[in-house]
Amino acid sequence: MGNIKRSHPPGFKAKVALDLIKETDTVSALCSKYAIHPTQAHQWKKQLLANVEVLFSDKPSSALAEKDEIIGELYKQIGQLKVELDWLKKKLSV
């Protein structure tokens, strides 16, 4: 039987990770309940614990604003290079 790659929505991952943190059942029982592999469940739990402090930080959107600024700058550079390329093509074809 081949491996089937399943994609889980973020809400499902959060629900599983929170149940793991609550420790109401064993890891095996929770993984059977949600039909996932224990390794995957532990990865989701680690990811939740690593990113939970972002939720309570004073400026959670500062990282997003910085990312948007970088993306805007890159689009600006791409536009400039495209204009220069078009200009060079025009000059070389004459």
N, C-alpha and C. Protein backbone atom coordinates (compact mmCIF):
# COMPACT_ATOMS: atom_id res chain seq x y z
N MET A 1 0.85 -1.17 0.00
CA MET A 1 0.00 0.00 0.00
C MET A 1 0.90 1.24 0.00
N GLY A 2 0.63 2.19 -0.87
CA GLY A 2 1.43 3.39 -0.98
C GLY A 2 1.09 4.42 0.09
N ASN A 3 1.99 5.34 0.26
CA ASN A 3 1.75 6.42 1.22
C ASN A 3 0.79 7.43 0.62
N ILE A 4 -0.20 7.80 1.39
CA ILE A 4 -1.17 8.80 0.96
C ILE A 4 -0.93 10.06 1.77
N LYS A 5 -0.61 11.13 1.09
CA LYS A 5 -0.35 12.39 1.77
C LYS A 5 -1.66 13.13 1.97
N ARG A 6 -2.00 13.35 3.24
CA ARG A 6 -3.24 14.07 3.54
C ARG A 6 -2.90 15.48 4.01
N SER A 7 -3.78 16.38 3.70
CA SER A 7 -3.60 17.76 4.11
C SER A 7 -4.68 18.09 5.14
N HIS A 8 -4.24 18.57 6.29
CA HIS A 8 -5.17 18.90 7.36
C HIS A 8 -5.29 20.42 7.49
N PRO A 9 -6.50 20.92 7.73
CA PRO A 9 -6.68 22.36 7.90
C PRO A 9 -6.05 22.83 9.21
N PRO A 10 -5.68 24.10 9.29
CA PRO A 10 -5.05 24.63 10.50
C PRO A 10 -5.90 24.45 11.76
N GLY A 11 -7.20 24.56 11.63
CA GLY A 11 -8.08 24.40 12.79
C GLY A 11 -7.99 23.00 13.38
N PHE A 12 -7.89 22.01 12.51
CA PHE A 12 -7.76 20.62 12.96
C PHE A 12 -6.43 20.43 13.69
N LYS A 13 -5.37 21.00 13.11
CA LYS A 13 -4.05 20.88 13.73
C LYS A 13 -4.04 21.52 15.12
N ALA A 14 -4.67 22.68 15.23
CA ALA A 14 -4.72 23.37 16.52
C ALA A 14 -5.51 22.56 17.54
N LYS A 15 -6.60 21.97 17.11
CA LYS A 15 -7.43 21.16 18.01
C LYS A 15 -6.64 19.97 18.54
N VAL A 16 -5.92 19.28 17.66
CA VAL A 16 -5.11 18.13 18.07
C VAL A 16 -4.01 18.57 19.03
N ALA A 17 -3.32 19.66 18.69
CA ALA A 17 -2.22 20.14 19.53
C ALA A 17 -2.72 20.55 20.92
N LEU A 18 -3.87 21.21 20.97
CA LEU A 18 -4.43 21.60 22.27
C LEU A 18 -4.83 20.38 23.10
N ASP A 19 -5.39 19.37 22.45
CA ASP A 19 -5.73 18.14 23.17
C ASP A 19 -4.48 17.46 23.71
N LEU A 20 -3.39 17.53 22.96
CA LEU A 20 -2.14 16.95 23.44
C LEU A 20 -1.60 17.71 24.64
N ILE A 21 -1.74 19.02 24.61
CA ILE A 21 -1.25 19.83 25.74
C ILE A 21 -2.10 19.59 26.98
N LYS A 22 -3.40 19.42 26.80
CA LYS A 22 -4.29 19.18 27.94
C LYS A 22 -3.99 17.86 28.64
N GLU A 23 -3.48 16.89 27.89
CA GLU A 23 -3.13 15.56 28.40
C GLU A 23 -4.31 14.86 29.07
N THR A 24 -5.49 14.98 28.48
CA THR A 24 -6.66 14.28 29.02
C THR A 24 -6.62 12.80 28.65
N ASP A 25 -6.01 12.47 27.52
CA ASP A 25 -5.83 11.09 27.07
C ASP A 25 -4.37 10.86 26.73
N THR A 26 -4.03 9.61 26.49
CA THR A 26 -2.66 9.30 26.07
C THR A 26 -2.48 9.75 24.63
N VAL A 27 -1.23 9.86 24.23
CA VAL A 27 -0.93 10.27 22.86
C VAL A 27 -1.50 9.23 21.89
N SER A 28 -1.35 7.97 22.23
CA SER A 28 -1.87 6.91 21.34
C SER A 28 -3.38 7.01 21.18
N ALA A 29 -4.08 7.27 22.27
CA ALA A 29 -5.54 7.37 22.20
C ALA A 29 -5.97 8.56 21.35
N LEU A 30 -5.29 9.70 21.53
CA LEU A 30 -5.64 10.89 20.74
C LEU A 30 -5.33 10.68 19.26
N CYS A 31 -4.22 10.03 18.98
CA CYS A 31 -3.86 9.79 17.58
C CYS A 31 -4.82 8.81 16.92
N SER A 32 -5.28 7.85 17.66
CA SER A 32 -6.29 6.93 17.13
C SER A 32 -7.61 7.67 16.89
N LYS A 33 -7.96 8.53 17.83
CA LYS A 33 -9.20 9.30 17.73
C LYS A 33 -9.21 10.17 16.47
N TYR A 34 -8.07 10.84 16.21
CA TYR A 34 -7.98 11.76 15.08
C TYR A 34 -7.40 11.11 13.82
N ALA A 35 -7.02 9.84 13.90
CA ALA A 35 -6.47 9.09 12.76
C ALA A 35 -5.24 9.76 12.17
N ILE A 36 -4.28 10.07 13.05
CA ILE A 36 -3.01 10.65 12.61
C ILE A 36 -1.87 9.87 13.25
N HIS A 37 -0.68 10.10 12.75
CA HIS A 37 0.51 9.43 13.28
C HIS A 37 1.02 10.22 14.49
N PRO A 38 1.51 9.52 15.52
CA PRO A 38 2.01 10.22 16.72
C PRO A 38 3.13 11.21 16.44
N THR A 39 3.99 10.91 15.47
CA THR A 39 5.06 11.84 15.13
C THR A 39 4.48 13.16 14.63
N GLN A 40 3.46 13.07 13.79
CA GLN A 40 2.81 14.27 13.27
C GLN A 40 2.18 15.07 14.41
N ALA A 41 1.55 14.38 15.33
CA ALA A 41 0.91 15.05 16.46
C ALA A 41 1.94 15.78 17.31
N HIS A 42 3.08 15.16 17.54
CA HIS A 42 4.13 15.81 18.32
C HIS A 42 4.71 17.02 17.60
N GLN A 43 4.80 16.95 16.26
CA GLN A 43 5.28 18.10 15.49
C GLN A 43 4.32 19.28 15.62
N TRP A 44 3.03 19.00 15.56
CA TRP A 44 2.03 20.07 15.70
C TRP A 44 2.08 20.67 17.10
N LYS A 45 2.29 19.83 18.09
CA LYS A 45 2.38 20.32 19.47
C LYS A 45 3.60 21.23 19.63
N LYS A 46 4.74 20.80 19.08
CA LYS A 46 5.96 21.62 19.14
C LYS A 46 5.75 22.96 18.44
N GLN A 47 5.09 22.91 17.29
CA GLN A 47 4.84 24.13 16.53
C GLN A 47 3.94 25.08 17.31
N LEU A 48 2.94 24.55 17.97
CA LEU A 48 2.05 25.38 18.79
C LEU A 48 2.81 26.02 19.93
N LEU A 49 3.60 25.24 20.63
CA LEU A 49 4.35 25.78 21.77
C LEU A 49 5.40 26.79 21.35
N ALA A 50 5.99 26.61 20.17
CA ALA A 50 7.01 27.54 19.69
C ALA A 50 6.41 28.88 19.28
N ASN A 51 5.16 28.87 18.81
CA ASN A 51 4.56 30.11 18.29
C ASN A 51 3.53 30.73 19.20
N VAL A 52 3.32 30.17 20.37
CA VAL A 52 2.28 30.68 21.25
C VAL A 52 2.63 32.06 21.80
N GLU A 53 3.89 32.36 21.97
CA GLU A 53 4.23 33.67 22.53
C GLU A 53 3.96 34.81 21.56
N VAL A 54 3.86 34.51 20.27
CA VAL A 54 3.52 35.54 19.28
C VAL A 54 2.10 36.04 19.54
N LEU A 55 1.22 35.16 20.00
CA LEU A 55 -0.16 35.56 20.28
C LEU A 55 -0.25 36.62 21.37
N PHE A 56 0.66 36.55 22.32
CA PHE A 56 0.60 37.45 23.47
C PHE A 56 1.61 38.59 23.39
N SER A 57 2.31 38.71 22.29
CA SER A 57 3.28 39.79 22.17
C SER A 57 2.55 41.11 21.91
N ASP A 58 3.22 42.22 22.20
CA ASP A 58 2.62 43.54 22.04
C ASP A 58 2.39 43.89 20.57
N LYS A 59 3.30 43.46 19.72
CA LYS A 59 3.20 43.81 18.31
C LYS A 59 3.26 42.55 17.45
N PRO A 60 2.18 41.77 17.41
CA PRO A 60 2.22 40.55 16.61
C PRO A 60 2.27 40.80 15.11
N SER A 61 1.80 41.96 14.69
CA SER A 61 1.77 42.24 13.26
C SER A 61 3.05 42.91 12.77
N SER A 62 4.02 43.18 13.65
CA SER A 62 5.25 43.83 13.20
C SER A 62 6.02 42.93 12.25
N ALA A 63 6.01 41.63 12.47
CA ALA A 63 6.69 40.72 11.57
C ALA A 63 6.00 40.71 10.21
N LEU A 64 4.68 40.78 10.21
CA LEU A 64 3.94 40.81 8.95
C LEU A 64 4.18 42.12 8.21
N ALA A 65 4.25 43.22 8.93
CA ALA A 65 4.50 44.51 8.29
C ALA A 65 5.89 44.53 7.66
N GLU A 66 6.86 43.96 8.36
CA GLU A 66 8.23 43.90 7.82
C GLU A 66 8.27 43.03 6.57
N LYS A 67 7.56 41.92 6.60
CA LYS A 67 7.50 41.02 5.45
C LYS A 67 6.85 41.72 4.27
N ASP A 68 5.75 42.44 4.51
CA ASP A 68 5.08 43.17 3.44
C ASP A 68 5.98 44.25 2.85
N GLU A 69 6.77 44.89 3.70
CA GLU A 69 7.69 45.93 3.24
C GLU A 69 8.75 45.34 2.33
N ILE A 70 9.29 44.20 2.69
CA ILE A 70 10.31 43.54 1.88
C ILE A 70 9.72 43.11 0.54
N ILE A 71 8.50 42.56 0.58
CA ILE A 71 7.85 42.13 -0.66
C ILE A 71 7.59 43.32 -1.57
N GLY A 72 7.16 44.43 -0.99
CA GLY A 72 6.93 45.65 -1.78
C GLY A 72 8.20 46.14 -2.44
N GLU A 73 9.31 46.11 -1.71
CA GLU A 73 10.59 46.54 -2.25
C GLU A 73 11.02 45.62 -3.40
N LEU A 74 10.81 44.33 -3.24
CA LEU A 74 11.18 43.38 -4.29
C LEU A 74 10.34 43.59 -5.55
N TYR A 75 9.05 43.84 -5.38
CA TYR A 75 8.20 44.12 -6.54
C TYR A 75 8.65 45.41 -7.24
N LYS A 76 9.07 46.38 -6.47
CA LYS A 76 9.57 47.63 -7.04
C LYS A 76 10.81 47.38 -7.88
N GLN A 77 11.72 46.56 -7.36
CA GLN A 77 12.94 46.22 -8.10
C GLN A 77 12.62 45.45 -9.37
N ILE A 78 11.68 44.52 -9.28
CA ILE A 78 11.29 43.76 -10.46
C ILE A 78 10.72 44.68 -11.53
N GLY A 79 9.88 45.61 -11.13
CA GLY A 79 9.31 46.56 -12.08
C GLY A 79 10.38 47.41 -12.74
N GLN A 80 11.33 47.87 -11.94
CA GLN A 80 12.42 48.69 -12.49
C GLN A 80 13.25 47.90 -13.48
N LEU A 81 13.56 46.66 -13.15
CA LEU A 81 14.36 45.83 -14.06
C LEU A 81 13.60 45.51 -15.34
N LYS A 82 12.31 45.35 -15.25
CA LYS A 82 11.50 45.09 -16.43
C LYS A 82 11.50 46.30 -17.36
N VAL A 83 11.37 47.48 -16.78
CA VAL A 83 11.39 48.71 -17.59
C VAL A 83 12.75 48.86 -18.28
N GLU A 84 13.83 48.59 -17.53
CA GLU A 84 15.18 48.69 -18.12
C GLU A 84 15.36 47.68 -19.24
N LEU A 85 14.86 46.47 -19.05
CA LEU A 85 14.98 45.43 -20.07
C LEU A 85 14.20 45.82 -21.32
N ASP A 86 12.99 46.33 -21.15
CA ASP A 86 12.19 46.77 -22.29
C ASP A 86 12.89 47.89 -23.04
N TRP A 87 13.52 48.82 -22.31
CA TRP A 87 14.22 49.94 -22.93
C TRP A 87 15.42 49.43 -23.74
N LEU A 88 16.15 48.46 -23.13
CA LEU A 88 17.30 47.91 -23.86
C LEU A 88 16.87 47.15 -25.11
N LYS A 89 15.80 46.41 -25.03
CA LYS A 89 15.30 45.69 -26.20
C LYS A 89 14.92 46.67 -27.32
N LYS A 90 14.30 47.78 -26.91
CA LYS A 90 13.87 48.78 -27.88
C LYS A 90 15.09 49.42 -28.57
N LYS A 91 16.12 49.74 -27.76
CA LYS A 91 17.31 50.40 -28.31
C LYS A 91 18.11 49.46 -29.20
N LEU A 92 18.16 48.18 -28.85
CA LEU A 92 18.96 47.23 -29.63
C LEU A 92 18.27 46.83 -30.93
N SER A 93 16.96 46.91 -30.98
CA SER A 93 16.23 46.52 -32.18
C SER A 93 16.22 47.62 -33.24
N VAL A 94 16.58 48.85 -32.91
CA VAL A 94 16.56 49.96 -33.85
C VAL A 94 17.75 49.98 -34.73
